[in-house]
Amino acid sequence: MSQSNPSWRAIKTSLAGMDANSLISLIHDLYALNKENKEYLQGRVGGEAAYASLRENAAKKIRHEFFPERGYGKARIAPVKKAIQGYKKATGDPIGTADLTLQFIEQFVKLCREYGGEEQSKLDALSVAMKELLKILESCPAIIEVLNIEERLAAAKKDASYFGFGIEDKIFDLIVDIEALE
C-alpha cells in the first residue's frame, strides 16, 4: 500500500508546531534547493533592489527566447510565461509585471517582423498576453504613463504592419482599450 503525500493542511499543522530556528532552517533549505525558490524569497523580502534585479533577469530570459546573443531565437512561450509569472509571484509588482508582459509583446512582434511567425499557438499566446496587460492596466491605470505603454504599443503596431496575421489589428484594439482607461 502506497503512502500519499501530505496535504497542505498537514504541512501547515506541522509548520505551526515548529520553533523559529527550525522554520528558518527549512526556509534556508528551500532557498538552496533551486533558483526559482531563491528568486521567490529574494523578491518577497528583498524590496526594491531585489525587484529591479529579478525584473532584469526576467527581461533577459524574454529577450533570449526571441533574440539570443548567438544563433536564432526559439520563441518558446513556456519559458517566457514562466519568467513573467515567477516575477509576479515573487514581487507582486504590477509595474514590473506589466513591463515584462509588454516586453514579451514587443519581442514577439519584432521576431515576426524579422522571421515570420504563423504558429497559431504562439499567436494565441500573444493575444493572452495582451489581455493580461490590459487587466493589469485596468487595476492600476497610472502604469500607462509610467511605462509609456501607448508609445511602445504604437511602435509594436508599426512593426506588425509589415507582416499581418491580424496582430496589427489586435494591438490597435488594445491601444483603444487602454485609451478608454485614461
N, C-alpha and C. Protein backbone atom coordinates (compact mmCIF):
# COMPACT_ATOMS: atom_id res chain seq x y z
N MET A 1 0.84 -1.18 0.00
CA MET A 1 0.00 0.00 0.00
C MET A 1 0.89 1.25 0.00
N SER A 2 0.63 2.18 -0.91
CA SER A 2 1.47 3.37 -1.03
C SER A 2 0.94 4.49 -0.14
N GLN A 3 1.88 5.29 0.36
CA GLN A 3 1.50 6.43 1.18
C GLN A 3 1.29 7.63 0.27
N SER A 4 0.27 8.41 0.58
CA SER A 4 0.06 9.62 -0.21
C SER A 4 0.90 10.75 0.39
N ASN A 5 1.14 11.74 -0.42
CA ASN A 5 1.87 12.91 0.06
C ASN A 5 1.00 13.69 1.03
N PRO A 6 1.60 14.34 2.01
CA PRO A 6 0.80 15.09 2.98
C PRO A 6 0.09 16.27 2.31
N SER A 7 -1.11 16.54 2.78
CA SER A 7 -1.88 17.66 2.26
C SER A 7 -1.32 18.97 2.81
N TRP A 8 -1.78 20.08 2.23
CA TRP A 8 -1.34 21.38 2.74
C TRP A 8 -1.74 21.53 4.21
N ARG A 9 -2.92 21.04 4.55
CA ARG A 9 -3.39 21.14 5.94
C ARG A 9 -2.40 20.45 6.90
N ALA A 10 -1.94 19.25 6.52
CA ALA A 10 -0.98 18.52 7.37
C ALA A 10 0.35 19.27 7.45
N ILE A 11 0.78 19.82 6.32
CA ILE A 11 2.04 20.58 6.31
C ILE A 11 1.90 21.82 7.18
N LYS A 12 0.78 22.51 7.04
CA LYS A 12 0.54 23.73 7.82
C LYS A 12 0.54 23.43 9.32
N THR A 13 -0.08 22.33 9.70
CA THR A 13 -0.11 21.93 11.10
C THR A 13 1.30 21.64 11.61
N SER A 14 2.08 20.95 10.79
CA SER A 14 3.46 20.64 11.16
C SER A 14 4.30 21.92 11.30
N LEU A 15 4.13 22.84 10.36
CA LEU A 15 4.87 24.10 10.43
C LEU A 15 4.49 24.92 11.66
N ALA A 16 3.22 24.90 12.00
CA ALA A 16 2.76 25.66 13.17
C ALA A 16 3.40 25.16 14.46
N GLY A 17 3.79 23.90 14.48
CA GLY A 17 4.42 23.33 15.66
C GLY A 17 5.92 23.51 15.73
N MET A 18 6.52 24.09 14.70
CA MET A 18 7.98 24.26 14.66
C MET A 18 8.40 25.54 15.37
N ASP A 19 9.60 25.50 15.95
CA ASP A 19 10.14 26.72 16.55
C ASP A 19 10.78 27.59 15.45
N ALA A 20 11.13 28.81 15.78
CA ALA A 20 11.65 29.77 14.80
C ALA A 20 12.91 29.26 14.12
N ASN A 21 13.84 28.66 14.86
CA ASN A 21 15.08 28.17 14.25
C ASN A 21 14.82 27.05 13.25
N SER A 22 13.88 26.17 13.57
CA SER A 22 13.54 25.09 12.64
C SER A 22 12.91 25.64 11.37
N LEU A 23 12.05 26.64 11.52
CA LEU A 23 11.44 27.28 10.34
C LEU A 23 12.49 27.96 9.48
N ILE A 24 13.40 28.67 10.10
CA ILE A 24 14.47 29.34 9.35
C ILE A 24 15.33 28.31 8.63
N SER A 25 15.62 27.21 9.26
CA SER A 25 16.41 26.15 8.64
C SER A 25 15.67 25.56 7.43
N LEU A 26 14.37 25.34 7.58
CA LEU A 26 13.57 24.82 6.48
C LEU A 26 13.54 25.81 5.31
N ILE A 27 13.35 27.07 5.61
CA ILE A 27 13.33 28.10 4.56
C ILE A 27 14.69 28.19 3.88
N HIS A 28 15.76 28.06 4.64
CA HIS A 28 17.10 28.06 4.05
C HIS A 28 17.26 26.88 3.09
N ASP A 29 16.78 25.71 3.49
CA ASP A 29 16.87 24.54 2.62
C ASP A 29 16.09 24.76 1.33
N LEU A 30 14.91 25.36 1.44
CA LEU A 30 14.13 25.68 0.24
C LEU A 30 14.85 26.69 -0.64
N TYR A 31 15.46 27.69 -0.02
CA TYR A 31 16.23 28.72 -0.72
C TYR A 31 17.36 28.08 -1.53
N ALA A 32 18.04 27.13 -0.92
CA ALA A 32 19.19 26.48 -1.57
C ALA A 32 18.77 25.42 -2.58
N LEU A 33 17.52 25.00 -2.54
CA LEU A 33 17.06 23.88 -3.36
C LEU A 33 17.09 24.18 -4.86
N ASN A 34 16.59 25.36 -5.25
CA ASN A 34 16.61 25.69 -6.68
C ASN A 34 16.50 27.20 -6.89
N LYS A 35 16.79 27.60 -8.11
CA LYS A 35 16.85 29.03 -8.45
C LYS A 35 15.49 29.72 -8.29
N GLU A 36 14.41 29.02 -8.64
CA GLU A 36 13.08 29.62 -8.54
C GLU A 36 12.75 29.97 -7.09
N ASN A 37 13.04 29.04 -6.17
CA ASN A 37 12.80 29.32 -4.76
C ASN A 37 13.63 30.51 -4.29
N LYS A 38 14.89 30.54 -4.72
CA LYS A 38 15.79 31.62 -4.33
C LYS A 38 15.24 32.97 -4.80
N GLU A 39 14.84 33.04 -6.07
CA GLU A 39 14.29 34.28 -6.61
C GLU A 39 13.00 34.68 -5.92
N TYR A 40 12.17 33.68 -5.62
CA TYR A 40 10.91 33.96 -4.94
C TYR A 40 11.16 34.59 -3.57
N LEU A 41 12.04 33.98 -2.81
CA LEU A 41 12.33 34.51 -1.47
C LEU A 41 13.02 35.87 -1.53
N GLN A 42 13.91 36.06 -2.50
CA GLN A 42 14.55 37.36 -2.66
C GLN A 42 13.52 38.44 -2.96
N GLY A 43 12.57 38.11 -3.82
CA GLY A 43 11.53 39.07 -4.16
C GLY A 43 10.62 39.39 -3.00
N ARG A 44 10.32 38.39 -2.19
CA ARG A 44 9.41 38.60 -1.07
C ARG A 44 10.01 39.44 0.05
N VAL A 45 11.32 39.33 0.25
CA VAL A 45 11.92 40.04 1.39
C VAL A 45 12.97 41.07 0.98
N GLY A 46 13.32 41.13 -0.30
CA GLY A 46 14.44 41.97 -0.72
C GLY A 46 14.11 43.40 -1.06
N GLY A 47 12.84 43.75 -1.21
CA GLY A 47 12.47 45.13 -1.50
C GLY A 47 12.79 45.55 -2.93
N GLU A 48 12.85 46.85 -3.13
CA GLU A 48 13.01 47.44 -4.47
C GLU A 48 14.26 46.99 -5.20
N ALA A 49 15.37 46.86 -4.51
CA ALA A 49 16.61 46.43 -5.15
C ALA A 49 16.46 45.01 -5.71
N ALA A 50 15.81 44.15 -4.94
CA ALA A 50 15.58 42.78 -5.41
C ALA A 50 14.62 42.79 -6.59
N TYR A 51 13.59 43.64 -6.54
CA TYR A 51 12.64 43.74 -7.65
C TYR A 51 13.37 44.08 -8.94
N ALA A 52 14.26 45.06 -8.87
CA ALA A 52 14.99 45.50 -10.07
C ALA A 52 15.85 44.38 -10.62
N SER A 53 16.52 43.66 -9.77
CA SER A 53 17.38 42.56 -10.20
C SER A 53 16.55 41.43 -10.80
N LEU A 54 15.46 41.06 -10.14
CA LEU A 54 14.59 40.00 -10.65
C LEU A 54 13.94 40.40 -11.98
N ARG A 55 13.57 41.67 -12.08
CA ARG A 55 12.94 42.17 -13.31
C ARG A 55 13.93 42.11 -14.47
N GLU A 56 15.17 42.51 -14.22
CA GLU A 56 16.18 42.46 -15.27
C GLU A 56 16.48 41.01 -15.68
N ASN A 57 16.54 40.11 -14.72
CA ASN A 57 16.77 38.69 -15.04
C ASN A 57 15.63 38.14 -15.89
N ALA A 58 14.40 38.48 -15.54
CA ALA A 58 13.25 38.02 -16.32
C ALA A 58 13.27 38.63 -17.72
N ALA A 59 13.62 39.90 -17.82
CA ALA A 59 13.70 40.57 -19.13
C ALA A 59 14.76 39.90 -20.01
N LYS A 60 15.89 39.53 -19.41
CA LYS A 60 16.94 38.83 -20.17
C LYS A 60 16.43 37.50 -20.70
N LYS A 61 15.67 36.78 -19.88
CA LYS A 61 15.12 35.49 -20.31
C LYS A 61 14.17 35.69 -21.48
N ILE A 62 13.36 36.73 -21.42
CA ILE A 62 12.42 37.02 -22.51
C ILE A 62 13.18 37.36 -23.78
N ARG A 63 14.14 38.27 -23.68
CA ARG A 63 14.93 38.65 -24.87
C ARG A 63 15.65 37.44 -25.45
N HIS A 64 16.20 36.60 -24.59
CA HIS A 64 16.95 35.43 -25.04
C HIS A 64 16.07 34.48 -25.85
N GLU A 65 14.83 34.35 -25.50
CA GLU A 65 13.94 33.46 -26.24
C GLU A 65 13.70 33.95 -27.66
N PHE A 66 13.75 35.25 -27.86
CA PHE A 66 13.46 35.81 -29.18
C PHE A 66 14.72 36.21 -29.93
N PHE A 67 15.64 36.84 -29.26
CA PHE A 67 16.87 37.32 -29.91
C PHE A 67 18.08 37.04 -29.02
N PRO A 68 18.54 35.78 -28.99
CA PRO A 68 19.71 35.47 -28.16
C PRO A 68 20.96 36.12 -28.75
N GLU A 69 22.00 36.21 -27.92
CA GLU A 69 23.25 36.81 -28.39
C GLU A 69 23.86 36.00 -29.53
N ARG A 70 23.64 34.70 -29.52
CA ARG A 70 24.14 33.82 -30.59
C ARG A 70 22.98 33.02 -31.17
N GLY A 71 23.02 32.83 -32.46
CA GLY A 71 22.02 31.98 -33.10
C GLY A 71 20.68 32.67 -33.26
N TYR A 72 19.68 31.82 -33.48
CA TYR A 72 18.32 32.31 -33.70
C TYR A 72 17.47 32.02 -32.47
N GLY A 73 16.50 32.88 -32.24
CA GLY A 73 15.60 32.68 -31.11
C GLY A 73 14.69 31.49 -31.34
N LYS A 74 14.37 30.82 -30.26
CA LYS A 74 13.46 29.68 -30.34
C LYS A 74 12.02 30.11 -30.15
N ALA A 75 11.83 31.27 -29.54
CA ALA A 75 10.50 31.83 -29.31
C ALA A 75 9.59 30.84 -28.58
N ARG A 76 10.15 30.16 -27.58
CA ARG A 76 9.34 29.25 -26.77
C ARG A 76 8.52 30.08 -25.80
N ILE A 77 7.25 29.83 -25.79
CA ILE A 77 6.34 30.62 -24.96
C ILE A 77 6.44 30.23 -23.49
N ALA A 78 6.60 28.95 -23.20
CA ALA A 78 6.61 28.48 -21.80
C ALA A 78 7.68 29.17 -20.95
N PRO A 79 8.94 29.28 -21.41
CA PRO A 79 9.93 29.98 -20.58
C PRO A 79 9.62 31.47 -20.38
N VAL A 80 9.00 32.07 -21.38
CA VAL A 80 8.63 33.48 -21.27
C VAL A 80 7.54 33.65 -20.21
N LYS A 81 6.51 32.81 -20.30
CA LYS A 81 5.44 32.87 -19.31
C LYS A 81 5.96 32.57 -17.91
N LYS A 82 6.87 31.62 -17.82
CA LYS A 82 7.45 31.26 -16.52
C LYS A 82 8.23 32.44 -15.93
N ALA A 83 8.97 33.15 -16.77
CA ALA A 83 9.73 34.31 -16.29
C ALA A 83 8.80 35.40 -15.77
N ILE A 84 7.73 35.67 -16.52
CA ILE A 84 6.79 36.71 -16.11
C ILE A 84 6.05 36.30 -14.84
N GLN A 85 5.54 35.07 -14.82
CA GLN A 85 4.80 34.60 -13.65
C GLN A 85 5.69 34.49 -12.41
N GLY A 86 6.93 34.06 -12.61
CA GLY A 86 7.86 33.98 -11.49
C GLY A 86 8.10 35.34 -10.86
N TYR A 87 8.28 36.34 -11.71
CA TYR A 87 8.46 37.71 -11.22
C TYR A 87 7.21 38.18 -10.47
N LYS A 88 6.07 37.94 -11.08
CA LYS A 88 4.81 38.38 -10.48
C LYS A 88 4.60 37.74 -9.11
N LYS A 89 4.83 36.44 -9.01
CA LYS A 89 4.63 35.74 -7.74
C LYS A 89 5.64 36.20 -6.68
N ALA A 90 6.86 36.41 -7.10
CA ALA A 90 7.91 36.79 -6.14
C ALA A 90 7.74 38.21 -5.61
N THR A 91 7.25 39.10 -6.45
CA THR A 91 7.23 40.51 -6.07
C THR A 91 5.83 41.09 -5.87
N GLY A 92 4.86 40.60 -6.62
CA GLY A 92 3.54 41.21 -6.59
C GLY A 92 3.53 42.60 -7.20
N ASP A 93 4.57 42.93 -7.94
CA ASP A 93 4.77 44.27 -8.50
C ASP A 93 4.04 44.41 -9.84
N PRO A 94 2.93 45.17 -9.90
CA PRO A 94 2.19 45.29 -11.16
C PRO A 94 2.95 46.06 -12.23
N ILE A 95 3.78 47.02 -11.85
CA ILE A 95 4.53 47.80 -12.85
C ILE A 95 5.53 46.89 -13.56
N GLY A 96 6.29 46.13 -12.80
CA GLY A 96 7.26 45.21 -13.40
C GLY A 96 6.59 44.13 -14.21
N THR A 97 5.47 43.61 -13.71
CA THR A 97 4.75 42.57 -14.44
C THR A 97 4.22 43.12 -15.76
N ALA A 98 3.68 44.34 -15.73
CA ALA A 98 3.20 44.97 -16.97
C ALA A 98 4.35 45.18 -17.94
N ASP A 99 5.48 45.65 -17.43
CA ASP A 99 6.64 45.89 -18.29
C ASP A 99 7.12 44.60 -18.94
N LEU A 100 7.21 43.53 -18.18
CA LEU A 100 7.67 42.25 -18.73
C LEU A 100 6.67 41.71 -19.75
N THR A 101 5.39 41.87 -19.48
CA THR A 101 4.36 41.43 -20.43
C THR A 101 4.47 42.23 -21.72
N LEU A 102 4.67 43.52 -21.59
CA LEU A 102 4.84 44.38 -22.77
C LEU A 102 6.11 44.01 -23.53
N GLN A 103 7.19 43.70 -22.81
CA GLN A 103 8.42 43.27 -23.48
C GLN A 103 8.18 41.99 -24.28
N PHE A 104 7.40 41.07 -23.74
CA PHE A 104 7.05 39.86 -24.49
C PHE A 104 6.34 40.24 -25.79
N ILE A 105 5.36 41.12 -25.70
CA ILE A 105 4.62 41.55 -26.89
C ILE A 105 5.57 42.19 -27.90
N GLU A 106 6.42 43.10 -27.43
CA GLU A 106 7.37 43.79 -28.32
C GLU A 106 8.33 42.81 -28.98
N GLN A 107 8.90 41.90 -28.21
CA GLN A 107 9.87 40.95 -28.75
C GLN A 107 9.20 40.00 -29.75
N PHE A 108 8.00 39.56 -29.43
CA PHE A 108 7.27 38.67 -30.33
C PHE A 108 7.02 39.34 -31.67
N VAL A 109 6.57 40.59 -31.62
CA VAL A 109 6.29 41.33 -32.85
C VAL A 109 7.57 41.52 -33.66
N LYS A 110 8.67 41.87 -33.00
CA LYS A 110 9.95 42.03 -33.71
C LYS A 110 10.38 40.72 -34.36
N LEU A 111 10.20 39.62 -33.66
CA LEU A 111 10.57 38.32 -34.23
C LEU A 111 9.73 38.02 -35.47
N CYS A 112 8.43 38.27 -35.38
CA CYS A 112 7.55 38.03 -36.53
C CYS A 112 7.94 38.92 -37.71
N ARG A 113 8.32 40.15 -37.41
CA ARG A 113 8.74 41.05 -38.48
C ARG A 113 10.00 40.54 -39.17
N GLU A 114 10.95 40.03 -38.38
CA GLU A 114 12.21 39.56 -38.93
C GLU A 114 12.10 38.21 -39.63
N TYR A 115 11.36 37.27 -39.01
CA TYR A 115 11.41 35.88 -39.48
C TYR A 115 10.05 35.27 -39.79
N GLY A 116 8.97 35.97 -39.55
CA GLY A 116 7.65 35.37 -39.71
C GLY A 116 7.25 34.68 -38.41
N GLY A 117 6.02 34.25 -38.35
CA GLY A 117 5.57 33.61 -37.12
C GLY A 117 4.12 33.18 -37.20
N GLU A 118 3.87 32.18 -38.02
CA GLU A 118 2.49 31.81 -38.28
C GLU A 118 1.92 30.77 -37.32
N GLU A 119 2.67 30.32 -36.34
CA GLU A 119 2.18 29.29 -35.44
C GLU A 119 1.01 29.82 -34.62
N GLN A 120 -0.14 29.17 -34.78
CA GLN A 120 -1.35 29.65 -34.12
C GLN A 120 -1.21 29.67 -32.60
N SER A 121 -0.54 28.67 -32.04
CA SER A 121 -0.41 28.63 -30.58
C SER A 121 0.37 29.85 -30.06
N LYS A 122 1.35 30.28 -30.83
CA LYS A 122 2.13 31.46 -30.42
C LYS A 122 1.32 32.74 -30.60
N LEU A 123 0.54 32.79 -31.66
CA LEU A 123 -0.34 33.95 -31.85
C LEU A 123 -1.39 34.01 -30.75
N ASP A 124 -1.88 32.84 -30.34
CA ASP A 124 -2.84 32.79 -29.23
C ASP A 124 -2.19 33.28 -27.94
N ALA A 125 -0.94 32.89 -27.71
CA ALA A 125 -0.22 33.33 -26.50
C ALA A 125 -0.05 34.84 -26.51
N LEU A 126 0.16 35.42 -27.68
CA LEU A 126 0.27 36.87 -27.79
C LEU A 126 -1.05 37.53 -27.41
N SER A 127 -2.16 36.97 -27.88
CA SER A 127 -3.48 37.51 -27.53
C SER A 127 -3.72 37.44 -26.03
N VAL A 128 -3.33 36.34 -25.42
CA VAL A 128 -3.49 36.18 -23.97
C VAL A 128 -2.65 37.23 -23.24
N ALA A 129 -1.42 37.45 -23.71
CA ALA A 129 -0.55 38.44 -23.08
C ALA A 129 -1.16 39.84 -23.17
N MET A 130 -1.77 40.15 -24.30
CA MET A 130 -2.41 41.46 -24.45
C MET A 130 -3.57 41.61 -23.46
N LYS A 131 -4.34 40.54 -23.29
CA LYS A 131 -5.45 40.59 -22.33
C LYS A 131 -4.93 40.74 -20.91
N GLU A 132 -3.84 40.04 -20.59
CA GLU A 132 -3.26 40.15 -19.26
C GLU A 132 -2.71 41.55 -19.00
N LEU A 133 -2.10 42.14 -20.02
CA LEU A 133 -1.61 43.51 -19.88
C LEU A 133 -2.76 44.47 -19.61
N LEU A 134 -3.84 44.33 -20.36
CA LEU A 134 -5.00 45.20 -20.16
C LEU A 134 -5.57 45.03 -18.75
N LYS A 135 -5.62 43.81 -18.29
CA LYS A 135 -6.13 43.53 -16.94
C LYS A 135 -5.29 44.24 -15.87
N ILE A 136 -3.98 44.19 -16.03
CA ILE A 136 -3.09 44.88 -15.09
C ILE A 136 -3.35 46.38 -15.14
N LEU A 137 -3.47 46.91 -16.35
CA LEU A 137 -3.66 48.36 -16.51
C LEU A 137 -5.02 48.81 -15.99
N GLU A 138 -6.03 47.95 -16.10
CA GLU A 138 -7.34 48.28 -15.54
C GLU A 138 -7.27 48.43 -14.03
N SER A 139 -6.44 47.60 -13.40
CA SER A 139 -6.33 47.66 -11.94
C SER A 139 -5.44 48.81 -11.48
N CYS A 140 -4.58 49.30 -12.36
CA CYS A 140 -3.66 50.38 -11.98
C CYS A 140 -3.33 51.23 -13.22
N PRO A 141 -4.25 52.10 -13.65
CA PRO A 141 -4.05 52.88 -14.87
C PRO A 141 -2.82 53.78 -14.87
N ALA A 142 -2.30 54.14 -13.71
CA ALA A 142 -1.11 55.01 -13.65
C ALA A 142 0.09 54.37 -14.34
N ILE A 143 0.08 53.06 -14.46
CA ILE A 143 1.19 52.34 -15.10
C ILE A 143 1.32 52.76 -16.57
N ILE A 144 0.22 53.15 -17.18
CA ILE A 144 0.23 53.52 -18.60
C ILE A 144 1.27 54.59 -18.87
N GLU A 145 1.27 55.64 -18.05
CA GLU A 145 2.24 56.72 -18.22
C GLU A 145 3.63 56.33 -17.76
N VAL A 146 3.70 55.63 -16.64
CA VAL A 146 5.00 55.26 -16.07
C VAL A 146 5.84 54.48 -17.08
N LEU A 147 5.21 53.58 -17.82
CA LEU A 147 5.94 52.72 -18.75
C LEU A 147 5.81 53.16 -20.21
N ASN A 148 5.20 54.31 -20.46
CA ASN A 148 4.99 54.78 -21.85
C ASN A 148 4.33 53.69 -22.69
N ILE A 149 3.29 53.09 -22.15
CA ILE A 149 2.64 51.94 -22.77
C ILE A 149 2.13 52.27 -24.18
N GLU A 150 1.41 53.37 -24.32
CA GLU A 150 0.81 53.68 -25.62
C GLU A 150 1.88 53.89 -26.69
N GLU A 151 2.94 54.59 -26.33
CA GLU A 151 4.04 54.83 -27.28
C GLU A 151 4.70 53.51 -27.69
N ARG A 152 4.94 52.65 -26.73
CA ARG A 152 5.59 51.37 -27.02
C ARG A 152 4.68 50.47 -27.86
N LEU A 153 3.38 50.49 -27.57
CA LEU A 153 2.45 49.70 -28.37
C LEU A 153 2.31 50.26 -29.78
N ALA A 154 2.36 51.58 -29.92
CA ALA A 154 2.30 52.19 -31.25
C ALA A 154 3.49 51.73 -32.10
N ALA A 155 4.67 51.65 -31.49
CA ALA A 155 5.86 51.16 -32.21
C ALA A 155 5.69 49.69 -32.59
N ALA A 156 5.13 48.90 -31.68
CA ALA A 156 4.89 47.48 -31.99
C ALA A 156 3.85 47.35 -33.10
N LYS A 157 2.84 48.20 -33.07
CA LYS A 157 1.80 48.19 -34.12
C LYS A 157 2.42 48.50 -35.48
N LYS A 158 3.33 49.46 -35.50
CA LYS A 158 4.01 49.81 -36.75
C LYS A 158 4.82 48.61 -37.26
N ASP A 159 5.56 47.95 -36.36
CA ASP A 159 6.30 46.74 -36.76
C ASP A 159 5.36 45.67 -37.28
N ALA A 160 4.20 45.53 -36.64
CA ALA A 160 3.24 44.49 -37.04
C ALA A 160 2.62 44.78 -38.39
N SER A 161 2.63 46.03 -38.82
CA SER A 161 2.02 46.37 -40.11
C SER A 161 2.77 45.75 -41.28
N TYR A 162 3.99 45.28 -41.04
CA TYR A 162 4.80 44.71 -42.12
C TYR A 162 4.52 43.24 -42.39
N PHE A 163 3.81 42.55 -41.50
CA PHE A 163 3.69 41.11 -41.72
C PHE A 163 2.30 40.52 -41.57
N GLY A 164 1.36 41.19 -41.01
CA GLY A 164 0.00 40.66 -40.97
C GLY A 164 -0.31 39.76 -39.80
N PHE A 165 -1.05 38.69 -40.06
CA PHE A 165 -1.54 37.73 -39.06
C PHE A 165 -2.57 38.36 -38.12
N GLY A 166 -3.05 39.56 -38.43
CA GLY A 166 -4.04 40.23 -37.59
C GLY A 166 -3.48 40.85 -36.33
N ILE A 167 -2.16 40.79 -36.17
CA ILE A 167 -1.55 41.31 -34.95
C ILE A 167 -1.68 42.83 -34.88
N GLU A 168 -1.52 43.49 -36.01
CA GLU A 168 -1.65 44.95 -36.02
C GLU A 168 -3.03 45.37 -35.51
N ASP A 169 -4.07 44.66 -35.97
CA ASP A 169 -5.43 44.98 -35.52
C ASP A 169 -5.61 44.73 -34.03
N LYS A 170 -5.02 43.64 -33.54
CA LYS A 170 -5.13 43.33 -32.11
C LYS A 170 -4.43 44.39 -31.26
N ILE A 171 -3.28 44.85 -31.73
CA ILE A 171 -2.57 45.90 -30.99
C ILE A 171 -3.37 47.20 -31.04
N PHE A 172 -3.95 47.51 -32.20
CA PHE A 172 -4.79 48.70 -32.31
C PHE A 172 -5.94 48.64 -31.31
N ASP A 173 -6.62 47.48 -31.26
CA ASP A 173 -7.73 47.31 -30.32
C ASP A 173 -7.26 47.48 -28.87
N LEU A 174 -6.07 46.96 -28.57
CA LEU A 174 -5.52 47.11 -27.22
C LEU A 174 -5.26 48.58 -26.90
N ILE A 175 -4.71 49.30 -27.86
CA ILE A 175 -4.45 50.74 -27.65
C ILE A 175 -5.76 51.48 -27.39
N VAL A 176 -6.80 51.16 -28.15
CA VAL A 176 -8.11 51.80 -27.95
C VAL A 176 -8.64 51.48 -26.55
N ASP A 177 -8.53 50.23 -26.14
CA ASP A 177 -8.98 49.84 -24.79
C ASP A 177 -8.20 50.58 -23.71
N ILE A 178 -6.91 50.75 -23.92
CA ILE A 178 -6.07 51.46 -22.94
C ILE A 178 -6.44 52.94 -22.89
N GLU A 179 -6.67 53.54 -24.06
CA GLU A 179 -7.07 54.96 -24.09
C GLU A 179 -8.37 55.18 -23.33
N ALA A 180 -9.25 54.18 -23.36
CA ALA A 180 -10.53 54.29 -22.64
C ALA A 180 -10.33 54.28 -21.12
N LEU A 181 -9.20 53.78 -20.67
CA LEU A 181 -8.91 53.75 -19.23
C LEU A 181 -8.48 55.10 -18.69
N GLU A 182 -7.97 55.95 -19.57
CA GLU A 182 -7.41 57.24 -19.12
C GLU A 182 -8.49 58.28 -18.92
